[in-house]
């Protein structure tokens, strides 16, 4: 295997300890702040130590078979990935989701740095497995799971992809005002925002909304609510309006449903300021959604490719 012909992009993230040191300038000041709050600082140290060791182990394995470029997650949106690159993300599930939407068919490998700490739904591998897996991946001998993504488009050409979910609402999570259109039916609404979830995201933010509805239905003895998670590759999205408010000027007739195929699902902002559209919990990377802005939401043409074996 010609090491020079292969390239691996290793994506890392800052640990809680690194973020604290960045904020408070020194390890000692970070330690003082945490312990002053009565929190065990050793947990931060242990998490950081395990993470750094995991990254070191994956990097060592990767360098045996390929040229390696290590980047922090913050640089991923501006990274130009080569068509033949293999991308390895070491971190939590959210890191894998945020990397996936910036790829275009490149295989993505999720590595769990600490199986005792993180569930790792999107992290099927451990650092010690990379020495055996990387040669097979570089040779094209691997299995992937296709992941359906959601897509939000604005009339002026802005586009946002989501691996888990899109949020449309107010930046402060105060009441959002907008006009919603679903397959010809439309109404003005005031709510805490709209969540559009993919199959992968149906076990995340969407699941918490469904659980709330399930408990409310149980309290009022309205029977059981059945909402099984969708498959990761399902050609379907699900939308939920959070806390819709009925009033003389706003309605609540379109609060839950599916988006499939050529369905027409649009939202037009009625917010002079503060409106946003963001994906996968990354509010810092958002599309401004102010008065008159219209977004169209549907299933993205691009699919994620998560290596599973």
Protein backbone atom coordinates (compact mmCIF):
# COMPACT_ATOMS: atom_id res chain seq x y z
CA UNK A 1 0.00 0.00 0.00
CA UNK A 2 1.46 3.35 -1.10
CA UNK A 3 1.18 5.59 1.93
CA UNK A 4 1.71 8.72 -0.16
CA UNK A 5 -1.34 8.04 -2.33
CA UNK A 6 -3.72 7.98 0.62
CA UNK A 7 -4.99 10.85 2.73
CA UNK A 8 -6.84 10.71 6.03
CA UNK A 9 -8.44 13.75 7.62
CA UNK A 10 -8.60 13.32 11.40
CA UNK A 11 -11.23 15.58 12.99
CA UNK A 12 -10.95 16.34 16.70
CA UNK A 13 -12.79 18.50 19.17
CA UNK A 14 -11.83 20.44 22.27
CA UNK A 15 -12.52 18.72 25.57
CA UNK A 16 -14.30 20.47 28.41
CA UNK A 17 -10.91 20.98 30.07
CA UNK A 18 -9.42 22.62 26.97
CA UNK A 19 -12.41 24.95 26.69
CA UNK A 20 -12.07 25.93 30.36
CA UNK A 21 -8.35 26.62 30.01
CA UNK A 22 -9.06 28.71 26.92
CA UNK A 23 -11.64 30.70 28.87
CA UNK A 24 -9.66 31.14 32.10
CA UNK A 25 -6.15 31.25 30.57
CA UNK A 26 -4.48 28.69 32.84
CA UNK A 27 -5.16 25.21 34.18
CA UNK A 28 -4.89 26.49 37.75
CA UNK A 29 -7.54 29.17 37.22
CA UNK A 30 -9.83 26.67 35.53
CA UNK A 31 -9.37 24.28 38.46
CA UNK A 32 -10.12 27.04 40.96
CA UNK A 33 -13.32 28.00 39.12
CA UNK A 34 -14.64 24.43 38.95
CA UNK A 35 -13.77 23.48 42.52
CA UNK A 36 -15.21 26.79 43.77
CA UNK A 37 -18.54 25.54 42.42
CA UNK A 38 -18.17 22.30 44.36
CA UNK A 39 -17.54 20.18 41.25
CA UNK A 40 -14.99 17.37 41.05
CA UNK A 41 -12.23 18.69 38.78
CA UNK A 42 -10.66 15.24 38.44
CA UNK A 43 -13.50 14.23 36.10
CA UNK A 44 -12.43 16.95 33.67
CA UNK A 45 -8.82 15.80 33.89
CA UNK A 46 -9.74 12.16 33.35
CA UNK A 47 -11.95 12.94 30.36
CA UNK A 48 -9.22 15.03 28.74
CA UNK A 49 -6.54 12.40 29.38
CA UNK A 50 -8.60 9.62 27.80
CA UNK A 51 -9.50 11.77 24.83
CA UNK A 52 -5.92 12.85 24.14
CA UNK A 53 -4.76 9.24 24.40
CA UNK A 54 -7.50 8.13 21.96
CA UNK A 55 -6.50 10.79 19.43
CA UNK A 56 -2.83 9.82 19.79
CA UNK A 57 -3.66 6.14 19.20
CA UNK A 58 -5.80 6.84 16.12
CA UNK A 59 -3.19 9.25 14.71
CA UNK A 60 -0.43 6.70 15.19
CA UNK A 61 -2.44 4.05 13.34
CA UNK A 62 -3.39 6.42 10.51
CA UNK A 63 0.16 7.63 9.91
CA UNK A 64 1.29 4.09 9.15
CA UNK A 65 -0.92 3.94 6.06
CA UNK A 66 -1.56 7.49 4.84
CA UNK A 67 -0.77 11.15 4.93
CA UNK A 68 -2.76 12.64 7.80
CA UNK A 69 -4.24 16.09 8.29
CA UNK A 70 -5.56 16.86 11.78
CA UNK A 71 -8.17 19.61 12.09
CA UNK A 72 -10.39 20.89 14.88
CA UNK A 73 -14.14 20.70 14.33
CA UNK A 74 -14.34 24.50 14.10
CA UNK A 75 -12.46 24.41 10.78
CA UNK A 76 -14.65 21.76 9.14
CA UNK A 77 -17.13 24.19 7.48
CA UNK A 78 -14.24 25.77 5.53
CA UNK A 79 -12.36 22.55 4.83
CA UNK A 80 -12.04 21.38 1.23
CA UNK A 81 -12.16 17.57 1.33
CA UNK A 82 -10.64 15.59 -1.52
CA UNK A 83 -12.86 13.10 -3.32
CA UNK A 84 -10.59 10.24 -2.22
CA UNK A 85 -10.16 11.33 1.40
CA UNK A 86 -11.08 9.13 4.32
CA UNK A 87 -12.42 11.11 7.27
CA UNK A 88 -12.10 9.92 10.87
CA UNK A 89 -13.92 11.79 13.65
CA UNK A 90 -12.85 11.13 17.25
CA UNK A 91 -15.40 12.46 19.71
CA UNK A 92 -19.08 12.31 20.50
CA UNK A 93 -22.05 11.57 18.23
CA UNK A 94 -22.59 15.27 17.63
CA UNK A 95 -19.12 15.61 16.12
CA UNK A 96 -19.86 12.87 13.58
CA UNK A 97 -23.18 14.51 12.64
CA UNK A 98 -21.60 17.93 12.19
CA UNK A 99 -18.78 16.57 10.02
CA UNK A 100 -21.05 14.42 7.83
CA UNK A 101 -23.03 17.29 6.34
CA UNK A 102 -19.86 18.86 4.92
CA UNK A 103 -18.79 15.70 3.09
CA UNK A 104 -19.72 14.63 -0.42
CA UNK A 105 -19.62 10.85 -0.47
CA UNK A 106 -16.34 10.42 1.42
CA UNK A 107 -16.46 7.59 3.98
CA UNK A 108 -16.78 8.83 7.55
CA UNK A 109 -15.46 6.77 10.45
CA UNK A 110 -16.71 7.53 13.97
CA UNK A 111 -14.37 6.60 16.83
CA UNK A 112 -15.55 6.51 20.44
CA UNK A 113 -12.75 7.81 22.68
CA UNK A 114 -14.39 6.72 25.92
CA UNK A 115 -17.00 3.95 25.78
CA UNK A 116 -17.71 4.29 29.50
CA UNK A 117 -18.67 7.94 29.05
CA UNK A 118 -20.35 8.19 25.61
CA UNK A 119 -23.15 6.03 24.18
CA UNK A 120 -21.74 6.34 20.68
CA UNK A 121 -24.70 5.63 18.36
CA UNK A 122 -22.58 7.04 15.52
CA UNK A 123 -19.29 5.78 16.96
CA UNK A 124 -19.04 2.07 16.09
CA UNK A 125 -15.26 1.87 16.52
CA UNK A 126 -12.75 2.16 19.35
CA UNK A 127 -9.24 3.60 18.92
CA UNK A 128 -7.61 0.16 19.17
CA UNK A 129 -9.54 -1.07 16.12
CA UNK A 130 -8.12 1.51 13.75
CA UNK A 131 -4.90 -0.35 12.93
CA UNK A 132 -6.97 -3.19 11.53
CA UNK A 133 -9.72 -1.08 9.95
CA UNK A 134 -7.78 1.63 8.13
CA UNK A 135 -6.11 -0.66 5.53
CA UNK A 136 -9.50 -2.16 4.65
CA UNK A 137 -11.13 1.26 4.36
CA UNK A 138 -8.33 2.59 2.15
CA UNK A 139 -8.72 -0.50 -0.05
CA UNK A 140 -12.46 0.15 -0.36
CA UNK A 141 -13.37 -2.96 1.63
CA UNK A 142 -15.90 -1.61 4.10
CA UNK A 143 -19.64 -1.43 4.75
CA UNK A 144 -21.52 1.84 5.12
CA UNK A 145 -24.92 2.97 6.30
CA UNK A 146 -26.59 5.62 4.16
CA UNK A 147 -27.89 8.54 6.19
CA UNK A 148 -30.72 10.73 4.87
CA UNK A 149 -30.20 14.45 5.45
CA UNK A 150 -32.64 17.34 5.57
CA UNK A 151 -32.10 20.46 3.48
CA UNK A 152 -33.25 24.05 3.93
CA UNK A 153 -33.03 26.47 0.99
CA UNK A 154 -33.67 30.20 0.88
CA UNK A 155 -34.78 32.18 -2.15
CA UNK A 156 -31.42 33.99 -2.27
CA UNK A 157 -29.46 30.78 -2.65
CA UNK A 158 -28.44 29.94 0.91
CA UNK A 159 -28.52 26.26 1.79
CA UNK A 160 -28.21 24.33 5.03
CA UNK A 161 -28.01 20.57 5.54
CA UNK A 162 -28.91 18.66 8.69
CA UNK A 163 -27.95 15.14 9.73
CA UNK A 164 -30.15 15.11 12.85
CA UNK A 165 -32.50 18.08 12.72
CA UNK A 166 -33.20 21.61 11.60
CA UNK A 167 -34.49 24.27 13.97
CA UNK A 168 -36.49 27.21 12.63
CA UNK A 169 -37.41 29.87 15.14
CA UNK A 170 -36.12 32.71 17.28
CA UNK A 171 -32.47 32.91 18.34
CA UNK A 172 -33.47 33.50 21.98
CA UNK A 173 -36.04 30.65 21.81
CA UNK A 174 -38.73 33.23 22.58
CA UNK A 175 -41.96 33.15 20.57
CA UNK A 176 -41.36 32.95 16.85
CA UNK A 177 -43.82 34.39 14.32
CA UNK A 178 -44.07 32.99 10.79
CA UNK A 179 -46.38 31.65 8.09
CA UNK A 180 -46.20 27.91 7.52
CA UNK A 181 -47.26 26.13 4.30
CA UNK A 182 -47.66 22.37 4.01
CA UNK A 183 -48.87 20.97 0.68
CA UNK A 184 -51.21 23.85 -0.10
CA UNK A 185 -52.49 24.49 3.42
CA UNK A 186 -51.11 27.51 5.24
CA UNK A 187 -51.54 29.49 8.43
CA UNK A 188 -49.86 32.10 10.62
CA UNK A 189 -48.30 30.68 13.76
CA UNK A 190 -46.65 31.73 17.00
CA UNK A 191 -44.57 29.04 18.67
CA UNK A 192 -41.25 28.16 20.26
CA UNK A 193 -40.02 27.11 16.83
CA UNK A 194 -40.17 24.18 14.46
CA UNK A 195 -38.03 21.04 14.52
CA UNK A 196 -37.57 19.05 11.33
CA UNK A 197 -35.97 15.67 12.04
CA UNK A 198 -34.32 13.03 9.89
CA UNK A 199 -34.46 9.31 10.58
CA UNK A 200 -31.21 9.58 12.48
CA UNK A 201 -32.53 12.56 14.42
CA UNK A 202 -35.73 10.76 15.37
CA UNK A 203 -33.95 9.47 18.48
CA UNK A 204 -32.76 12.95 19.48
CA UNK A 205 -34.54 16.27 19.97
CA UNK A 206 -37.61 14.94 18.19
CA UNK A 207 -37.81 12.03 20.65
CA UNK A 208 -37.93 14.40 23.61
CA UNK A 209 -40.93 16.23 22.09
CA UNK A 210 -42.71 12.93 21.46
CA UNK A 211 -42.03 11.78 25.01
CA UNK A 212 -43.57 14.99 26.36
CA UNK A 213 -46.66 14.39 24.22
CA UNK A 214 -46.81 10.78 25.39
CA UNK A 215 -46.77 11.78 29.06
CA UNK A 216 -49.42 14.48 28.54
CA UNK A 217 -51.66 11.97 26.72
CA UNK A 218 -51.20 9.49 29.58
CA UNK A 219 -52.11 12.14 32.17
CA UNK A 220 -55.35 12.96 30.36
CA UNK A 221 -55.99 9.26 29.66
CA UNK A 222 -55.99 9.77 25.90
CA UNK A 223 -54.35 6.46 25.17
CA UNK A 224 -50.89 5.49 24.01
CA UNK A 225 -48.86 7.46 21.46
CA UNK A 226 -46.79 5.18 19.25
CA UNK A 227 -43.88 6.81 17.42
CA UNK A 228 -41.13 4.39 16.42
CA UNK A 229 -37.79 5.89 15.29
CA UNK A 230 -37.28 6.01 11.53
CA UNK A 231 -34.46 4.17 9.79
CA UNK A 232 -31.36 6.30 9.16
CA UNK A 233 -31.86 6.04 5.42
CA UNK A 234 -35.63 6.60 5.42
CA UNK A 235 -36.82 8.90 2.61
CA UNK A 236 -38.88 10.87 5.05
CA UNK A 237 -38.59 13.80 7.43
CA UNK A 238 -40.83 14.62 10.37
CA UNK A 239 -41.74 18.13 11.56
CA UNK A 240 -42.97 19.20 14.99
CA UNK A 241 -44.12 22.68 16.01
CA UNK A 242 -43.01 23.35 19.58
CA UNK A 243 -45.60 24.89 21.90
CA UNK A 244 -47.92 26.34 19.24
CA UNK A 245 -50.05 29.20 20.61
CA UNK A 246 -53.64 29.74 19.41
CA UNK A 247 -54.85 33.34 19.29
CA UNK A 248 -56.99 35.67 17.20
CA UNK A 249 -54.06 36.10 14.81
CA UNK A 250 -52.41 32.68 14.95
CA UNK A 251 -53.60 29.13 14.31
CA UNK A 252 -52.52 25.63 15.34
CA UNK A 253 -53.79 23.41 12.55
CA UNK A 254 -50.37 22.40 11.21
CA UNK A 255 -48.25 21.22 14.12
CA UNK A 256 -47.03 17.73 13.22
CA UNK A 257 -46.46 15.76 10.05
CA UNK A 258 -44.17 14.15 7.51
CA UNK A 259 -42.25 15.56 4.58
CA UNK A 260 -41.68 13.13 1.72
CA UNK A 261 -40.62 13.21 -1.92
CA UNK A 262 -41.94 16.34 -3.65
CA UNK A 263 -43.99 17.61 -0.71
CA UNK A 264 -44.21 21.39 -0.52
CA UNK A 265 -43.09 22.54 2.94
CA UNK A 266 -42.24 26.21 3.34
CA UNK A 267 -41.93 28.72 6.17
CA UNK A 268 -41.99 32.52 5.76
CA UNK A 269 -40.62 34.64 8.59
CA UNK A 270 -42.67 37.37 10.24
CA UNK A 271 -39.89 38.30 12.68
CA UNK A 272 -38.18 41.71 12.17
CA UNK A 273 -35.07 40.37 13.91
CA UNK A 274 -33.77 37.37 15.81
CA UNK A 275 -35.05 34.69 13.45
CA UNK A 276 -32.66 31.82 12.69
CA UNK A 277 -32.40 28.50 10.94
CA UNK A 278 -29.69 26.18 12.25
CA UNK A 279 -28.91 22.48 12.13
CA UNK A 280 -27.70 19.80 14.50
CA UNK A 281 -27.53 22.14 17.49
CA UNK A 282 -24.94 24.46 15.89
CA UNK A 283 -26.63 27.81 16.55
CA UNK A 284 -23.41 29.71 15.82
CA UNK A 285 -23.63 28.55 12.20
CA UNK A 286 -27.10 29.82 11.31
CA UNK A 287 -29.06 31.36 8.45
CA UNK A 288 -30.75 34.62 9.39
CA UNK A 289 -34.51 34.24 9.16
CA UNK A 290 -35.97 37.74 9.24
CA UNK A 291 -39.25 39.18 7.95
CA UNK A 292 -40.07 38.09 4.41
CA UNK A 293 -37.41 35.38 4.22
CA UNK A 294 -38.83 32.14 2.87
CA UNK A 295 -37.23 28.75 3.35
CA UNK A 296 -38.15 25.53 1.59
CA UNK A 297 -37.43 22.29 3.43
CA UNK A 298 -37.09 18.84 1.95
CA UNK A 299 -34.93 15.74 1.68
CA UNK A 300 -31.39 16.50 0.56
CA UNK A 301 -30.01 14.94 -2.61
CA UNK A 302 -26.74 14.28 -0.80
CA UNK A 303 -26.46 11.28 1.55
CA UNK A 304 -24.13 10.67 4.45
CA UNK A 305 -21.87 7.60 4.36
CA UNK A 306 -21.07 6.25 7.83
CA UNK A 307 -18.64 3.33 7.95
CA UNK A 308 -20.05 0.58 10.19
CA UNK A 309 -17.76 -2.39 9.48
